[in-house]
Amino acid sequence: MPTPTKGPRLGGGPAHERLLLGNLATSLFEHRRITTTEAKAKRLRPLAERLVTFAKRGDLAARRRVLTVVKDKGVVHELFTEIAPLVADRPGGYTRITKIGPRKGDNAPMAVIELVLEPLSPKQATVAEATAATKRAAKKDAPKKAAAPVEAAPAEAEDAPVEEAPVETAEVEAAPAEAQDVPAEDVPAEKDADDTK
């Protein structure tokens, strides 16, 4: 069973809620800022952010996904061609909710939800740049750290046989000497010579 969304349900049922949020998203992308109740603004924000992310992708599948929510093709075109390039360097947070006073008629808490289209401030740009550099460095270091033990192991393996090679050759040379029926006196003499070294 899908997890229910947070907050109060809008409209009479799930289908009405989807239509209501789709119309709010259409108005937001068309006018760039709308005034609505706080509850509707809070429910609209994740949907609008997801649609802008699809628009930043810009492919046909993303356009079709957005068209399932926003039925106006002109607004979808505006979202993909005008809004998406303006927020291309922004990693998220495409909308801003500002609370305003209560509505006069029924005292409902009101809010303005708007698209954040201004470029990143120099401080935000520096933080985003540093974060990206850290991620790049982590990606570069990860293969080196994984590869370093692998490279070290063959070097150690190469060194070990070189040191053991003379010992093995001495044993190999000694074995043929025993096989040739060499007197037993010669074999211990070689061992004594090795012990003195």
N, C-alpha and C. Protein backbone atom coordinates (compact mmCIF):
# COMPACT_ATOMS: atom_id res chain seq x y z
N MET A 1 0.84 -1.17 0.00
CA MET A 1 0.00 0.00 0.00
C MET A 1 0.89 1.24 0.00
N PRO A 2 0.65 2.21 -0.86
CA PRO A 2 1.50 3.39 -0.90
C PRO A 2 1.38 4.21 0.38
N THR A 3 2.47 4.84 0.74
CA THR A 3 2.48 5.67 1.94
C THR A 3 1.66 6.94 1.68
N PRO A 4 0.76 7.29 2.56
CA PRO A 4 -0.01 8.51 2.35
C PRO A 4 0.88 9.74 2.47
N THR A 5 0.54 10.78 1.72
CA THR A 5 1.32 12.01 1.77
C THR A 5 1.03 12.75 3.05
N LYS A 6 1.98 13.57 3.46
CA LYS A 6 1.81 14.33 4.70
C LYS A 6 0.83 15.46 4.48
N GLY A 7 0.21 15.86 5.54
CA GLY A 7 -0.67 17.02 5.49
C GLY A 7 -2.10 16.64 5.20
N PRO A 8 -2.98 17.62 5.29
CA PRO A 8 -4.40 17.36 5.06
C PRO A 8 -4.68 17.09 3.59
N ARG A 9 -5.68 16.28 3.34
CA ARG A 9 -6.07 16.02 1.96
C ARG A 9 -6.78 17.25 1.42
N LEU A 10 -6.46 17.57 0.20
CA LEU A 10 -7.10 18.71 -0.45
C LEU A 10 -8.25 18.20 -1.30
N GLY A 11 -9.34 18.93 -1.35
CA GLY A 11 -10.47 18.55 -2.19
C GLY A 11 -11.27 17.42 -1.58
N GLY A 12 -12.14 16.83 -2.38
CA GLY A 12 -13.04 15.80 -1.89
C GLY A 12 -12.45 14.42 -1.89
N GLY A 13 -11.51 14.13 -2.78
CA GLY A 13 -10.94 12.79 -2.88
C GLY A 13 -9.59 12.84 -3.56
N PRO A 14 -8.95 11.70 -3.76
CA PRO A 14 -7.62 11.67 -4.36
C PRO A 14 -7.57 12.24 -5.78
N ALA A 15 -8.58 11.93 -6.60
CA ALA A 15 -8.59 12.43 -7.97
C ALA A 15 -8.74 13.96 -7.98
N HIS A 16 -9.61 14.45 -7.11
CA HIS A 16 -9.81 15.90 -7.02
C HIS A 16 -8.54 16.59 -6.53
N GLU A 17 -7.85 15.94 -5.60
CA GLU A 17 -6.59 16.50 -5.10
C GLU A 17 -5.55 16.58 -6.21
N ARG A 18 -5.42 15.52 -7.02
CA ARG A 18 -4.46 15.54 -8.13
C ARG A 18 -4.78 16.66 -9.11
N LEU A 19 -6.06 16.83 -9.43
CA LEU A 19 -6.44 17.89 -10.35
C LEU A 19 -6.16 19.26 -9.75
N LEU A 20 -6.46 19.42 -8.47
CA LEU A 20 -6.24 20.69 -7.79
C LEU A 20 -4.75 21.05 -7.80
N LEU A 21 -3.88 20.07 -7.45
CA LEU A 21 -2.44 20.32 -7.44
C LEU A 21 -1.90 20.56 -8.85
N GLY A 22 -2.45 19.86 -9.84
CA GLY A 22 -2.04 20.10 -11.23
C GLY A 22 -2.38 21.51 -11.68
N ASN A 23 -3.56 21.99 -11.31
CA ASN A 23 -3.94 23.35 -11.68
C ASN A 23 -3.08 24.38 -10.94
N LEU A 24 -2.77 24.11 -9.67
CA LEU A 24 -1.89 25.02 -8.94
C LEU A 24 -0.49 25.06 -9.57
N ALA A 25 0.02 23.91 -9.97
CA ALA A 25 1.34 23.86 -10.62
C ALA A 25 1.31 24.60 -11.95
N THR A 26 0.23 24.42 -12.70
CA THR A 26 0.10 25.13 -13.98
C THR A 26 0.14 26.64 -13.75
N SER A 27 -0.60 27.11 -12.76
CA SER A 27 -0.63 28.55 -12.47
C SER A 27 0.74 29.03 -11.99
N LEU A 28 1.42 28.21 -11.19
CA LEU A 28 2.73 28.61 -10.69
C LEU A 28 3.73 28.78 -11.83
N PHE A 29 3.76 27.83 -12.75
CA PHE A 29 4.72 27.92 -13.86
C PHE A 29 4.32 29.00 -14.86
N GLU A 30 3.05 29.29 -14.95
CA GLU A 30 2.60 30.32 -15.88
C GLU A 30 2.88 31.72 -15.34
N HIS A 31 2.59 31.95 -14.04
CA HIS A 31 2.72 33.30 -13.47
C HIS A 31 3.98 33.47 -12.62
N ARG A 32 4.70 32.40 -12.36
CA ARG A 32 5.94 32.38 -11.58
C ARG A 32 5.73 32.62 -10.09
N ARG A 33 4.56 33.11 -9.65
CA ARG A 33 4.23 33.24 -8.24
C ARG A 33 2.73 33.30 -8.08
N ILE A 34 2.22 32.59 -7.06
CA ILE A 34 0.78 32.59 -6.82
C ILE A 34 0.54 32.74 -5.32
N THR A 35 -0.64 33.25 -4.99
CA THR A 35 -1.07 33.36 -3.60
C THR A 35 -2.13 32.31 -3.35
N THR A 36 -1.92 31.51 -2.31
CA THR A 36 -2.85 30.43 -1.97
C THR A 36 -2.78 30.19 -0.47
N THR A 37 -3.50 29.20 0.01
CA THR A 37 -3.42 28.90 1.44
C THR A 37 -2.11 28.19 1.75
N GLU A 38 -1.72 28.23 3.01
CA GLU A 38 -0.47 27.59 3.43
C GLU A 38 -0.51 26.09 3.16
N ALA A 39 -1.64 25.46 3.44
CA ALA A 39 -1.76 24.01 3.24
C ALA A 39 -1.55 23.65 1.77
N LYS A 40 -2.17 24.40 0.88
CA LYS A 40 -2.01 24.12 -0.56
C LYS A 40 -0.59 24.40 -1.01
N ALA A 41 0.01 25.46 -0.49
CA ALA A 41 1.39 25.80 -0.88
C ALA A 41 2.35 24.70 -0.43
N LYS A 42 2.15 24.19 0.79
CA LYS A 42 3.04 23.15 1.29
C LYS A 42 2.87 21.85 0.52
N ARG A 43 1.67 21.56 0.07
CA ARG A 43 1.44 20.35 -0.73
C ARG A 43 1.93 20.53 -2.17
N LEU A 44 1.94 21.75 -2.66
CA LEU A 44 2.36 22.02 -4.03
C LEU A 44 3.88 21.99 -4.17
N ARG A 45 4.58 22.40 -3.14
CA ARG A 45 6.03 22.54 -3.23
C ARG A 45 6.74 21.27 -3.73
N PRO A 46 6.55 20.09 -3.12
CA PRO A 46 7.28 18.91 -3.63
C PRO A 46 6.92 18.55 -5.06
N LEU A 47 5.67 18.74 -5.43
CA LEU A 47 5.26 18.44 -6.80
C LEU A 47 5.94 19.39 -7.78
N ALA A 48 5.95 20.67 -7.47
CA ALA A 48 6.58 21.65 -8.36
C ALA A 48 8.08 21.39 -8.47
N GLU A 49 8.72 21.05 -7.36
CA GLU A 49 10.17 20.77 -7.39
C GLU A 49 10.46 19.57 -8.29
N ARG A 50 9.64 18.53 -8.19
CA ARG A 50 9.83 17.34 -9.02
C ARG A 50 9.64 17.68 -10.50
N LEU A 51 8.64 18.50 -10.81
CA LEU A 51 8.40 18.86 -12.20
C LEU A 51 9.55 19.69 -12.76
N VAL A 52 10.11 20.58 -11.96
CA VAL A 52 11.26 21.37 -12.43
C VAL A 52 12.46 20.46 -12.66
N THR A 53 12.63 19.47 -11.81
CA THR A 53 13.74 18.52 -12.00
C THR A 53 13.57 17.76 -13.31
N PHE A 54 12.34 17.36 -13.62
CA PHE A 54 12.08 16.72 -14.91
C PHE A 54 12.40 17.68 -16.05
N ALA A 55 12.02 18.94 -15.89
CA ALA A 55 12.29 19.92 -16.94
C ALA A 55 13.78 20.12 -17.14
N LYS A 56 14.56 20.06 -16.07
CA LYS A 56 16.01 20.19 -16.21
C LYS A 56 16.60 19.03 -16.99
N ARG A 57 16.00 17.83 -16.85
CA ARG A 57 16.46 16.69 -17.66
C ARG A 57 16.24 16.95 -19.13
N GLY A 58 15.05 17.44 -19.46
CA GLY A 58 14.80 17.93 -20.80
C GLY A 58 14.52 16.92 -21.89
N ASP A 59 14.47 15.62 -21.61
CA ASP A 59 14.22 14.65 -22.67
C ASP A 59 12.72 14.43 -22.88
N LEU A 60 12.39 13.63 -23.87
CA LEU A 60 11.00 13.42 -24.24
C LEU A 60 10.23 12.71 -23.12
N ALA A 61 10.85 11.73 -22.50
CA ALA A 61 10.17 11.01 -21.41
C ALA A 61 9.84 11.96 -20.26
N ALA A 62 10.76 12.87 -19.94
CA ALA A 62 10.51 13.84 -18.87
C ALA A 62 9.36 14.77 -19.26
N ARG A 63 9.32 15.18 -20.52
CA ARG A 63 8.25 16.06 -20.98
C ARG A 63 6.89 15.36 -20.87
N ARG A 64 6.86 14.08 -21.20
CA ARG A 64 5.60 13.33 -21.10
C ARG A 64 5.17 13.16 -19.65
N ARG A 65 6.14 12.95 -18.75
CA ARG A 65 5.81 12.84 -17.32
C ARG A 65 5.22 14.14 -16.80
N VAL A 66 5.77 15.27 -17.23
CA VAL A 66 5.24 16.56 -16.79
C VAL A 66 3.85 16.79 -17.37
N LEU A 67 3.63 16.35 -18.60
CA LEU A 67 2.31 16.53 -19.24
C LEU A 67 1.22 15.72 -18.55
N THR A 68 1.57 14.70 -17.76
CA THR A 68 0.54 13.98 -17.01
C THR A 68 -0.02 14.83 -15.88
N VAL A 69 0.76 15.80 -15.40
CA VAL A 69 0.32 16.66 -14.30
C VAL A 69 -0.18 18.00 -14.83
N VAL A 70 0.65 18.64 -15.65
CA VAL A 70 0.32 19.95 -16.22
C VAL A 70 -0.25 19.72 -17.61
N LYS A 71 -1.54 19.97 -17.77
CA LYS A 71 -2.21 19.62 -19.03
C LYS A 71 -2.01 20.66 -20.14
N ASP A 72 -1.60 21.86 -19.79
CA ASP A 72 -1.43 22.93 -20.77
C ASP A 72 -0.06 22.80 -21.44
N LYS A 73 -0.06 22.50 -22.75
CA LYS A 73 1.19 22.30 -23.47
C LYS A 73 2.03 23.57 -23.55
N GLY A 74 1.36 24.71 -23.61
CA GLY A 74 2.09 25.99 -23.65
C GLY A 74 2.87 26.22 -22.36
N VAL A 75 2.28 25.89 -21.23
CA VAL A 75 2.96 26.05 -19.94
C VAL A 75 4.12 25.05 -19.84
N VAL A 76 3.93 23.83 -20.32
CA VAL A 76 5.00 22.83 -20.29
C VAL A 76 6.16 23.30 -21.15
N HIS A 77 5.86 23.86 -22.31
CA HIS A 77 6.90 24.38 -23.18
C HIS A 77 7.67 25.51 -22.49
N GLU A 78 6.95 26.39 -21.82
CA GLU A 78 7.58 27.49 -21.08
C GLU A 78 8.47 26.94 -19.96
N LEU A 79 7.98 25.90 -19.28
CA LEU A 79 8.76 25.29 -18.20
C LEU A 79 10.06 24.72 -18.72
N PHE A 80 10.01 24.02 -19.85
CA PHE A 80 11.20 23.36 -20.38
C PHE A 80 12.16 24.34 -21.05
N THR A 81 11.65 25.38 -21.71
CA THR A 81 12.52 26.27 -22.48
C THR A 81 12.96 27.52 -21.73
N GLU A 82 12.15 28.00 -20.79
CA GLU A 82 12.50 29.25 -20.10
C GLU A 82 12.90 29.03 -18.65
N ILE A 83 12.12 28.26 -17.91
CA ILE A 83 12.37 28.12 -16.47
C ILE A 83 13.54 27.18 -16.21
N ALA A 84 13.59 26.04 -16.89
CA ALA A 84 14.65 25.06 -16.64
C ALA A 84 16.05 25.63 -16.86
N PRO A 85 16.32 26.39 -17.94
CA PRO A 85 17.66 26.95 -18.09
C PRO A 85 18.03 27.95 -16.99
N LEU A 86 17.03 28.64 -16.43
CA LEU A 86 17.32 29.61 -15.38
C LEU A 86 17.76 28.94 -14.08
N VAL A 87 17.30 27.71 -13.84
CA VAL A 87 17.64 27.01 -12.60
C VAL A 87 18.59 25.84 -12.86
N ALA A 88 19.27 25.84 -14.00
CA ALA A 88 20.12 24.71 -14.37
C ALA A 88 21.26 24.49 -13.38
N ASP A 89 21.83 25.57 -12.84
CA ASP A 89 22.95 25.42 -11.92
C ASP A 89 22.53 25.27 -10.47
N ARG A 90 21.24 25.35 -10.19
CA ARG A 90 20.72 25.23 -8.83
C ARG A 90 20.44 23.76 -8.54
N PRO A 91 21.00 23.21 -7.45
CA PRO A 91 20.81 21.78 -7.16
C PRO A 91 19.46 21.42 -6.56
N GLY A 92 18.64 22.36 -6.24
CA GLY A 92 17.33 22.10 -5.65
C GLY A 92 16.79 23.38 -5.06
N GLY A 93 15.66 23.31 -4.39
CA GLY A 93 15.09 24.51 -3.79
C GLY A 93 14.62 25.50 -4.83
N TYR A 94 13.80 25.03 -5.76
CA TYR A 94 13.33 25.87 -6.85
C TYR A 94 12.15 26.74 -6.46
N THR A 95 11.54 26.50 -5.31
CA THR A 95 10.38 27.27 -4.88
C THR A 95 10.63 27.88 -3.51
N ARG A 96 9.90 28.95 -3.24
CA ARG A 96 9.99 29.65 -1.96
C ARG A 96 8.58 29.92 -1.48
N ILE A 97 8.30 29.60 -0.21
CA ILE A 97 6.99 29.88 0.39
C ILE A 97 7.17 31.00 1.40
N THR A 98 6.39 32.06 1.24
CA THR A 98 6.41 33.19 2.16
C THR A 98 5.02 33.33 2.76
N LYS A 99 4.94 33.25 4.09
CA LYS A 99 3.65 33.38 4.76
C LYS A 99 3.24 34.84 4.78
N ILE A 100 1.96 35.07 4.51
CA ILE A 100 1.40 36.42 4.59
C ILE A 100 0.23 36.38 5.57
N GLY A 101 -0.44 37.48 5.75
CA GLY A 101 -1.53 37.54 6.73
C GLY A 101 -2.69 36.64 6.37
N PRO A 102 -3.61 36.47 7.32
CA PRO A 102 -4.77 35.61 7.07
C PRO A 102 -5.74 36.23 6.06
N ARG A 103 -6.51 35.37 5.42
CA ARG A 103 -7.50 35.82 4.44
C ARG A 103 -8.62 36.55 5.17
N LYS A 104 -9.14 37.60 4.56
CA LYS A 104 -10.12 38.44 5.23
C LYS A 104 -11.44 37.72 5.48
N GLY A 105 -11.89 36.93 4.54
CA GLY A 105 -13.21 36.33 4.66
C GLY A 105 -13.32 35.24 5.72
N ASP A 106 -12.39 34.26 5.69
CA ASP A 106 -12.51 33.12 6.61
C ASP A 106 -11.30 32.97 7.53
N ASN A 107 -10.39 33.93 7.53
CA ASN A 107 -9.22 33.94 8.41
C ASN A 107 -8.27 32.76 8.13
N ALA A 108 -8.29 32.23 6.91
CA ALA A 108 -7.40 31.12 6.54
C ALA A 108 -5.97 31.64 6.40
N PRO A 109 -4.97 30.91 6.91
CA PRO A 109 -3.58 31.36 6.75
C PRO A 109 -3.17 31.30 5.28
N MET A 110 -2.64 32.40 4.79
CA MET A 110 -2.29 32.51 3.37
C MET A 110 -0.77 32.53 3.20
N ALA A 111 -0.33 32.18 2.00
CA ALA A 111 1.10 32.16 1.67
C ALA A 111 1.28 32.45 0.19
N VAL A 112 2.44 32.95 -0.13
CA VAL A 112 2.83 33.17 -1.52
C VAL A 112 3.88 32.12 -1.85
N ILE A 113 3.65 31.33 -2.89
CA ILE A 113 4.65 30.38 -3.37
C ILE A 113 5.15 30.89 -4.70
N GLU A 114 6.48 30.95 -4.83
CA GLU A 114 7.08 31.51 -6.04
C GLU A 114 8.28 30.69 -6.46
N LEU A 115 8.62 30.79 -7.73
CA LEU A 115 9.81 30.12 -8.25
C LEU A 115 11.04 30.96 -7.92
N VAL A 116 12.10 30.31 -7.52
CA VAL A 116 13.35 31.00 -7.22
C VAL A 116 14.19 30.97 -8.49
N LEU A 117 14.19 32.07 -9.22
CA LEU A 117 14.86 32.11 -10.52
C LEU A 117 16.14 32.93 -10.50
N GLU A 118 16.40 33.68 -9.43
CA GLU A 118 17.61 34.47 -9.40
C GLU A 118 18.82 33.54 -9.27
N PRO A 119 19.96 33.94 -9.82
CA PRO A 119 21.13 33.06 -9.76
C PRO A 119 21.61 32.91 -8.33
N LEU A 120 22.43 31.90 -8.11
CA LEU A 120 22.99 31.66 -6.79
C LEU A 120 23.84 32.85 -6.37
N SER A 121 23.80 33.19 -5.09
CA SER A 121 24.65 34.26 -4.57
C SER A 121 26.10 33.78 -4.62
N PRO A 122 27.07 34.69 -4.55
CA PRO A 122 28.47 34.26 -4.59
C PRO A 122 28.81 33.25 -3.49
N LYS A 123 28.21 33.45 -2.31
CA LYS A 123 28.48 32.53 -1.21
C LYS A 123 27.91 31.15 -1.52
N GLN A 124 26.67 31.10 -2.04
CA GLN A 124 26.05 29.83 -2.40
C GLN A 124 26.82 29.16 -3.52
N ALA A 125 27.28 29.95 -4.50
CA ALA A 125 28.04 29.39 -5.62
C ALA A 125 29.35 28.78 -5.13
N THR A 126 30.01 29.46 -4.17
CA THR A 126 31.26 28.94 -3.62
C THR A 126 31.03 27.63 -2.88
N VAL A 127 29.96 27.57 -2.10
CA VAL A 127 29.64 26.34 -1.37
C VAL A 127 29.33 25.21 -2.34
N ALA A 128 28.55 25.51 -3.40
CA ALA A 128 28.22 24.48 -4.38
C ALA A 128 29.47 24.00 -5.11
N GLU A 129 30.38 24.93 -5.43
CA GLU A 129 31.63 24.58 -6.10
C GLU A 129 32.49 23.68 -5.21
N ALA A 130 32.60 24.05 -3.92
CA ALA A 130 33.40 23.27 -2.99
C ALA A 130 32.82 21.87 -2.80
N THR A 131 31.51 21.79 -2.73
CA THR A 131 30.86 20.48 -2.58
C THR A 131 31.12 19.61 -3.81
N ALA A 132 31.01 20.22 -4.99
CA ALA A 132 31.26 19.46 -6.22
C ALA A 132 32.71 19.00 -6.28
N ALA A 133 33.65 19.86 -5.87
CA ALA A 133 35.07 19.50 -5.89
C ALA A 133 35.35 18.37 -4.92
N THR A 134 34.72 18.41 -3.75
CA THR A 134 34.90 17.35 -2.76
C THR A 134 34.39 16.02 -3.30
N LYS A 135 33.24 16.06 -3.97
CA LYS A 135 32.69 14.83 -4.53
C LYS A 135 33.60 14.28 -5.62
N ARG A 136 34.13 15.18 -6.48
CA ARG A 136 35.04 14.73 -7.53
C ARG A 136 36.30 14.10 -6.94
N ALA A 137 36.84 14.73 -5.90
CA ALA A 137 38.05 14.20 -5.26
C ALA A 137 37.78 12.85 -4.63
N ALA A 138 36.62 12.71 -4.02
CA ALA A 138 36.27 11.43 -3.40
C ALA A 138 36.16 10.33 -4.46
N LYS A 139 35.60 10.67 -5.61
CA LYS A 139 35.48 9.69 -6.68
C LYS A 139 36.85 9.29 -7.21
N LYS A 140 37.78 10.26 -7.32
CA LYS A 140 39.11 9.95 -7.83
C LYS A 140 39.91 9.14 -6.83
N ASP A 141 39.78 9.46 -5.53
CA ASP A 141 40.55 8.75 -4.50
C ASP A 141 40.04 7.34 -4.26
N ALA A 142 38.75 7.12 -4.44
CA ALA A 142 38.18 5.80 -4.16
C ALA A 142 38.83 4.71 -5.01
N PRO A 143 38.99 4.89 -6.33
CA PRO A 143 39.66 3.84 -7.11
C PRO A 143 41.12 3.67 -6.73
N LYS A 144 41.83 4.77 -6.37
CA LYS A 144 43.23 4.67 -5.99
C LYS A 144 43.40 3.88 -4.71
N LYS A 145 42.52 4.15 -3.73
CA LYS A 145 42.61 3.44 -2.47
C LYS A 145 42.32 1.96 -2.67
N ALA A 146 41.37 1.65 -3.51
CA ALA A 146 41.05 0.25 -3.77
C ALA A 146 42.16 -0.41 -4.59
N ALA A 147 42.80 0.35 -5.48
CA ALA A 147 43.83 -0.21 -6.34
C ALA A 147 45.17 -0.31 -5.63
N ALA A 148 45.44 0.53 -4.64
CA ALA A 148 46.73 0.55 -3.97
C ALA A 148 47.08 -0.80 -3.34
N PRO A 149 46.22 -1.44 -2.56
CA PRO A 149 46.59 -2.74 -2.01
C PRO A 149 46.79 -3.79 -3.09
N VAL A 150 46.05 -3.69 -4.16
CA VAL A 150 46.19 -4.65 -5.24
C VAL A 150 47.56 -4.49 -5.90
N GLU A 151 48.02 -3.22 -6.07
CA GLU A 151 49.31 -2.98 -6.68
C GLU A 151 50.43 -3.39 -5.72
N ALA A 152 50.25 -3.18 -4.43
CA ALA A 152 51.28 -3.50 -3.46
C ALA A 152 51.47 -5.02 -3.35
N ALA A 153 50.38 -5.74 -3.44
CA ALA A 153 50.47 -7.20 -3.30
C ALA A 153 51.35 -7.83 -4.39
N PRO A 154 51.22 -7.45 -5.68
CA PRO A 154 52.11 -8.04 -6.67
C PRO A 154 53.57 -7.66 -6.43
N ALA A 155 53.83 -6.44 -5.95
CA ALA A 155 55.21 -6.03 -5.70
C ALA A 155 55.80 -6.89 -4.60
N GLU A 156 55.05 -7.15 -3.54
CA GLU A 156 55.53 -8.01 -2.48
C GLU A 156 55.71 -9.44 -2.99
N ALA A 157 54.79 -9.87 -3.83
CA ALA A 157 54.88 -11.22 -4.37
C ALA A 157 56.11 -11.36 -5.24
N GLU A 158 56.47 -10.30 -5.98
CA GLU A 158 57.67 -10.36 -6.81
C GLU A 158 58.92 -10.38 -5.96
N ASP A 159 58.93 -9.61 -4.86
CA ASP A 159 60.11 -9.56 -4.00
C ASP A 159 60.32 -10.89 -3.28
N ALA A 160 59.26 -11.50 -2.84
CA ALA A 160 59.37 -12.73 -2.05
C ALA A 160 60.02 -13.86 -2.85
N PRO A 161 59.60 -14.14 -4.07
CA PRO A 161 60.26 -15.24 -4.79
C PRO A 161 61.72 -14.95 -5.09
N VAL A 162 62.09 -13.68 -5.27
CA VAL A 162 63.48 -13.35 -5.55
C VAL A 162 64.34 -13.73 -4.36
N GLU A 163 63.87 -13.45 -3.14
CA GLU A 163 64.63 -13.79 -1.95
C GLU A 163 64.68 -15.31 -1.74
N GLU A 164 63.58 -15.97 -2.01
CA GLU A 164 63.53 -17.40 -1.79
C GLU A 164 64.17 -18.18 -2.93
N ALA A 165 64.35 -17.56 -4.07
CA ALA A 165 64.86 -18.26 -5.23
C ALA A 165 66.23 -18.88 -4.98
N PRO A 166 67.20 -18.18 -4.37
CA PRO A 166 68.49 -18.83 -4.15
C PRO A 166 68.38 -20.03 -3.22
N VAL A 167 67.50 -19.96 -2.23
CA VAL A 167 67.34 -21.08 -1.31
C VAL A 167 66.79 -22.28 -2.08
N GLU A 168 65.83 -22.05 -2.92
CA GLU A 168 65.25 -23.14 -3.70
C GLU A 168 66.27 -23.72 -4.66
N THR A 169 67.06 -22.86 -5.28
CA THR A 169 68.07 -23.36 -6.22
C THR A 169 69.12 -24.17 -5.49
N ALA A 170 69.46 -23.75 -4.28
CA ALA A 170 70.43 -24.52 -3.51
C ALA A 170 69.86 -25.90 -3.20
N GLU A 171 68.57 -25.95 -2.86
CA GLU A 171 67.96 -27.24 -2.59
C GLU A 171 67.88 -28.07 -3.85
N VAL A 172 67.60 -27.40 -4.96
CA VAL A 172 67.52 -28.12 -6.22
C VAL A 172 68.89 -28.64 -6.60
N GLU A 173 69.94 -27.85 -6.38
CA GLU A 173 71.29 -28.29 -6.71
C GLU A 173 71.72 -29.41 -5.78
N ALA A 174 71.30 -29.32 -4.54
CA ALA A 174 71.68 -30.35 -3.58
C ALA A 174 70.99 -31.67 -3.90
N ALA A 175 69.78 -31.59 -4.36
CA ALA A 175 69.05 -32.82 -4.69
C ALA A 175 69.74 -33.59 -5.80
N PRO A 176 70.17 -32.96 -6.91
CA PRO A 176 70.87 -33.75 -7.91
C PRO A 176 72.19 -34.31 -7.40
N ALA A 177 72.84 -33.59 -6.50
CA ALA A 177 74.10 -34.10 -5.96
C ALA A 177 73.84 -35.39 -5.20
N GLU A 178 72.77 -35.47 -4.46
CA GLU A 178 72.44 -36.69 -3.74
C GLU A 178 72.03 -37.79 -4.73
N ALA A 179 71.38 -37.38 -5.79
CA ALA A 179 70.93 -38.36 -6.77
C ALA A 179 72.10 -38.97 -7.53
N GLN A 180 73.22 -38.26 -7.63
CA GLN A 180 74.35 -38.75 -8.39
C GLN A 180 75.25 -39.66 -7.54
N ASP A 181 74.83 -40.01 -6.40
CA ASP A 181 75.59 -40.85 -5.48
C ASP A 181 76.92 -40.21 -5.10
N VAL A 182 76.83 -38.94 -4.78
CA VAL A 182 78.01 -38.21 -4.31
C VAL A 182 78.23 -38.65 -2.87
N PRO A 183 79.45 -38.78 -2.46
CA PRO A 183 79.69 -39.22 -1.08
C PRO A 183 79.00 -38.29 -0.09
N ALA A 184 78.56 -38.84 1.01
CA ALA A 184 77.79 -38.11 2.00
C ALA A 184 78.61 -37.02 2.65
N GLU A 185 79.92 -37.09 2.57
CA GLU A 185 80.78 -36.08 3.17
C GLU A 185 80.62 -34.74 2.48
N ASP A 186 80.36 -34.74 1.14
CA ASP A 186 80.26 -33.47 0.41
C ASP A 186 78.97 -32.71 0.76
N VAL A 187 77.91 -33.43 0.94
CA VAL A 187 76.64 -32.78 1.21
C VAL A 187 76.66 -32.03 2.54
N PRO A 188 77.10 -32.64 3.66
CA PRO A 188 77.17 -31.87 4.90
C PRO A 188 78.13 -30.70 4.79
N ALA A 189 79.16 -30.79 4.00
CA ALA A 189 80.10 -29.69 3.86
C ALA A 189 79.40 -28.48 3.26
N GLU A 190 78.52 -28.69 2.30
CA GLU A 190 77.79 -27.58 1.71
C GLU A 190 76.86 -26.97 2.74
N LYS A 191 76.23 -27.80 3.55
CA LYS A 191 75.32 -27.30 4.59
C LYS A 191 76.10 -26.51 5.61
N ASP A 192 77.32 -26.98 5.97
CA ASP A 192 78.14 -26.25 6.95
C ASP A 192 78.55 -24.91 6.37
N ALA A 193 78.82 -24.86 5.07
CA ALA A 193 79.21 -23.61 4.43
C ALA A 193 78.05 -22.62 4.48
N ASP A 194 76.83 -23.13 4.28
CA ASP A 194 75.64 -22.26 4.33
C ASP A 194 75.40 -21.77 5.76
N ASP A 195 75.71 -22.60 6.76
CA ASP A 195 75.48 -22.22 8.16
C ASP A 195 76.45 -21.13 8.58
N THR A 196 77.65 -21.15 8.05
CA THR A 196 78.64 -20.14 8.43
C THR A 196 78.32 -18.78 7.85
N LYS A 197 77.62 -18.78 6.79
CA LYS A 197 77.25 -17.49 6.15
C LYS A 197 76.27 -16.84 7.04
